[in-house]
Amino acid sequence: MDANLNQLSQLIVQRRKELNIKQEDLSDLTNIAIRTIRDLEKGKGNPSLETMNQLMNVLGIELLFKLKK
């Protein structure tokens, strides 16, 4: 598993639990399939920027990243 994706999945799980939101509720709030949320929380998949933006907005997470040169 990619280290960055692993960190991201842990962050999503941690924040969702802090907000006391179930996976099903997060799916409803973001219009992202429950299967996609489950996969992301397991560190699987390759989420689109749109998917990540929806999740980050609902969870109140700001992502900063560097582009590799």
N, C-alpha and C. Protein backbone atom coordinates (compact mmCIF):
# COMPACT_ATOMS: atom_id res chain seq x y z
N MET A 1 0.85 -1.18 0.00
CA MET A 1 0.00 0.00 0.00
C MET A 1 0.90 1.24 0.00
N ASP A 2 0.56 2.22 -0.79
CA ASP A 2 1.28 3.47 -0.85
C ASP A 2 1.21 4.18 0.50
N ALA A 3 2.34 4.70 0.97
CA ALA A 3 2.40 5.34 2.29
C ALA A 3 1.46 6.54 2.37
N ASN A 4 1.38 7.34 1.31
CA ASN A 4 0.51 8.51 1.32
C ASN A 4 -0.96 8.10 1.38
N LEU A 5 -1.32 7.08 0.64
CA LEU A 5 -2.70 6.62 0.65
C LEU A 5 -3.05 6.03 2.01
N ASN A 6 -2.09 5.36 2.63
CA ASN A 6 -2.30 4.80 3.97
C ASN A 6 -2.54 5.93 4.98
N GLN A 7 -1.74 6.98 4.92
CA GLN A 7 -1.93 8.13 5.82
C GLN A 7 -3.27 8.78 5.59
N LEU A 8 -3.64 8.92 4.33
CA LEU A 8 -4.92 9.53 4.00
C LEU A 8 -6.08 8.69 4.51
N SER A 9 -6.00 7.39 4.36
CA SER A 9 -7.07 6.52 4.83
C SER A 9 -7.21 6.61 6.34
N GLN A 10 -6.09 6.65 7.05
CA GLN A 10 -6.14 6.79 8.51
C GLN A 10 -6.75 8.13 8.92
N LEU A 11 -6.42 9.18 8.19
CA LEU A 11 -6.97 10.50 8.48
C LEU A 11 -8.48 10.53 8.28
N ILE A 12 -8.96 9.91 7.21
CA ILE A 12 -10.40 9.87 6.94
C ILE A 12 -11.13 9.13 8.05
N VAL A 13 -10.62 7.96 8.43
CA VAL A 13 -11.25 7.18 9.50
C VAL A 13 -11.26 7.96 10.81
N GLN A 14 -10.11 8.52 11.16
CA GLN A 14 -9.99 9.26 12.42
C GLN A 14 -10.98 10.43 12.48
N ARG A 15 -11.02 11.21 11.42
CA ARG A 15 -11.89 12.40 11.41
C ARG A 15 -13.36 12.00 11.40
N ARG A 16 -13.70 10.97 10.64
CA ARG A 16 -15.09 10.51 10.60
C ARG A 16 -15.54 10.08 11.99
N LYS A 17 -14.67 9.37 12.70
CA LYS A 17 -15.01 8.91 14.04
C LYS A 17 -15.08 10.07 15.03
N GLU A 18 -14.19 11.06 14.88
CA GLU A 18 -14.24 12.25 15.74
C GLU A 18 -15.58 12.97 15.60
N LEU A 19 -16.09 12.99 14.38
CA LEU A 19 -17.36 13.66 14.10
C LEU A 19 -18.56 12.76 14.37
N ASN A 20 -18.27 11.51 14.77
CA ASN A 20 -19.33 10.53 15.06
C ASN A 20 -20.25 10.32 13.85
N ILE A 21 -19.61 10.13 12.70
CA ILE A 21 -20.34 9.90 11.45
C ILE A 21 -20.11 8.46 11.02
N LYS A 22 -21.15 7.74 10.73
CA LYS A 22 -21.04 6.38 10.22
C LYS A 22 -20.66 6.44 8.74
N GLN A 23 -20.09 5.34 8.26
CA GLN A 23 -19.73 5.28 6.84
C GLN A 23 -20.95 5.54 5.96
N GLU A 24 -22.08 4.98 6.32
CA GLU A 24 -23.30 5.15 5.54
C GLU A 24 -23.72 6.62 5.50
N ASP A 25 -23.58 7.31 6.64
CA ASP A 25 -23.93 8.73 6.68
C ASP A 25 -22.97 9.56 5.84
N LEU A 26 -21.68 9.21 5.88
CA LEU A 26 -20.70 9.91 5.07
C LEU A 26 -21.01 9.72 3.59
N SER A 27 -21.44 8.53 3.24
CA SER A 27 -21.84 8.26 1.86
C SER A 27 -23.00 9.16 1.45
N ASP A 28 -23.98 9.28 2.31
CA ASP A 28 -25.14 10.14 2.02
C ASP A 28 -24.73 11.61 1.92
N LEU A 29 -23.88 12.05 2.81
CA LEU A 29 -23.47 13.46 2.85
C LEU A 29 -22.62 13.86 1.66
N THR A 30 -21.87 12.91 1.11
CA THR A 30 -20.94 13.22 0.02
C THR A 30 -21.42 12.74 -1.35
N ASN A 31 -22.46 11.94 -1.36
CA ASN A 31 -22.92 11.32 -2.61
C ASN A 31 -21.83 10.42 -3.22
N ILE A 32 -21.03 9.81 -2.34
CA ILE A 32 -20.00 8.87 -2.76
C ILE A 32 -20.48 7.48 -2.34
N ALA A 33 -20.34 6.52 -3.23
CA ALA A 33 -20.79 5.16 -2.94
C ALA A 33 -20.15 4.63 -1.67
N ILE A 34 -20.93 3.92 -0.87
CA ILE A 34 -20.43 3.35 0.38
C ILE A 34 -19.24 2.44 0.12
N ARG A 35 -19.25 1.71 -0.95
CA ARG A 35 -18.13 0.81 -1.31
C ARG A 35 -16.85 1.61 -1.51
N THR A 36 -16.95 2.78 -2.14
CA THR A 36 -15.80 3.64 -2.36
C THR A 36 -15.24 4.14 -1.04
N ILE A 37 -16.11 4.54 -0.13
CA ILE A 37 -15.67 5.01 1.19
C ILE A 37 -14.99 3.88 1.94
N ARG A 38 -15.57 2.71 1.91
CA ARG A 38 -14.95 1.56 2.59
C ARG A 38 -13.58 1.25 2.01
N ASP A 39 -13.47 1.28 0.69
CA ASP A 39 -12.18 1.01 0.06
C ASP A 39 -11.15 2.07 0.45
N LEU A 40 -11.55 3.34 0.43
CA LEU A 40 -10.62 4.40 0.80
C LEU A 40 -10.15 4.27 2.23
N GLU A 41 -11.05 3.89 3.12
CA GLU A 41 -10.68 3.72 4.52
C GLU A 41 -9.76 2.53 4.73
N LYS A 42 -9.74 1.61 3.77
CA LYS A 42 -8.82 0.47 3.83
C LYS A 42 -7.53 0.75 3.07
N GLY A 43 -7.43 1.95 2.49
CA GLY A 43 -6.23 2.31 1.73
C GLY A 43 -6.21 1.74 0.34
N LYS A 44 -7.38 1.39 -0.18
CA LYS A 44 -7.48 0.83 -1.53
C LYS A 44 -8.03 1.88 -2.49
N GLY A 45 -7.80 1.67 -3.74
CA GLY A 45 -8.39 2.51 -4.77
C GLY A 45 -7.51 3.68 -5.14
N ASN A 46 -8.01 4.45 -6.05
CA ASN A 46 -7.32 5.63 -6.56
C ASN A 46 -8.38 6.73 -6.70
N PRO A 47 -8.68 7.44 -5.61
CA PRO A 47 -9.79 8.40 -5.64
C PRO A 47 -9.51 9.58 -6.56
N SER A 48 -10.56 10.04 -7.21
CA SER A 48 -10.43 11.23 -8.06
C SER A 48 -10.32 12.46 -7.17
N LEU A 49 -9.88 13.56 -7.76
CA LEU A 49 -9.80 14.82 -7.02
C LEU A 49 -11.19 15.26 -6.56
N GLU A 50 -12.19 15.02 -7.38
CA GLU A 50 -13.56 15.39 -7.02
C GLU A 50 -14.02 14.60 -5.79
N THR A 51 -13.73 13.30 -5.77
CA THR A 51 -14.10 12.47 -4.63
C THR A 51 -13.39 12.96 -3.37
N MET A 52 -12.10 13.22 -3.48
CA MET A 52 -11.35 13.69 -2.32
C MET A 52 -11.86 15.05 -1.85
N ASN A 53 -12.18 15.91 -2.77
CA ASN A 53 -12.70 17.23 -2.41
C ASN A 53 -14.02 17.11 -1.63
N GLN A 54 -14.91 16.24 -2.10
CA GLN A 54 -16.18 16.03 -1.41
C GLN A 54 -15.95 15.52 0.01
N LEU A 55 -15.09 14.53 0.16
CA LEU A 55 -14.80 13.98 1.49
C LEU A 55 -14.17 15.02 2.40
N MET A 56 -13.19 15.74 1.91
CA MET A 56 -12.48 16.72 2.73
C MET A 56 -13.40 17.85 3.17
N ASN A 57 -14.29 18.27 2.28
CA ASN A 57 -15.24 19.33 2.64
C ASN A 57 -16.16 18.89 3.77
N VAL A 58 -16.70 17.70 3.67
CA VAL A 58 -17.63 17.21 4.70
C VAL A 58 -16.91 16.95 6.01
N LEU A 59 -15.69 16.43 5.93
CA LEU A 59 -14.94 16.09 7.13
C LEU A 59 -14.16 17.27 7.71
N GLY A 60 -14.11 18.38 6.98
CA GLY A 60 -13.40 19.55 7.47
C GLY A 60 -11.90 19.36 7.50
N ILE A 61 -11.37 18.73 6.47
CA ILE A 61 -9.93 18.46 6.38
C ILE A 61 -9.38 19.26 5.20
N GLU A 62 -8.23 19.89 5.45
CA GLU A 62 -7.53 20.60 4.38
C GLU A 62 -6.31 19.80 3.99
N LEU A 63 -6.19 19.49 2.72
CA LEU A 63 -5.04 18.72 2.23
C LEU A 63 -4.07 19.65 1.51
N LEU A 64 -2.84 19.53 1.89
CA LEU A 64 -1.77 20.26 1.20
C LEU A 64 -0.82 19.21 0.65
N PHE A 65 -0.39 19.40 -0.56
CA PHE A 65 0.52 18.43 -1.16
C PHE A 65 1.51 19.12 -2.07
N LYS A 66 2.61 18.45 -2.30
CA LYS A 66 3.64 18.95 -3.20
C LYS A 66 3.63 18.09 -4.45
N LEU A 67 3.82 18.72 -5.57
CA LEU A 67 4.00 17.98 -6.81
C LEU A 67 5.46 17.61 -6.95
N LYS A 68 5.70 16.37 -7.34
CA LYS A 68 7.08 15.91 -7.54
C LYS A 68 7.63 16.53 -8.82
N LYS A 69 8.87 16.92 -8.78
CA LYS A 69 9.51 17.53 -9.96
C LYS A 69 10.36 16.51 -10.65
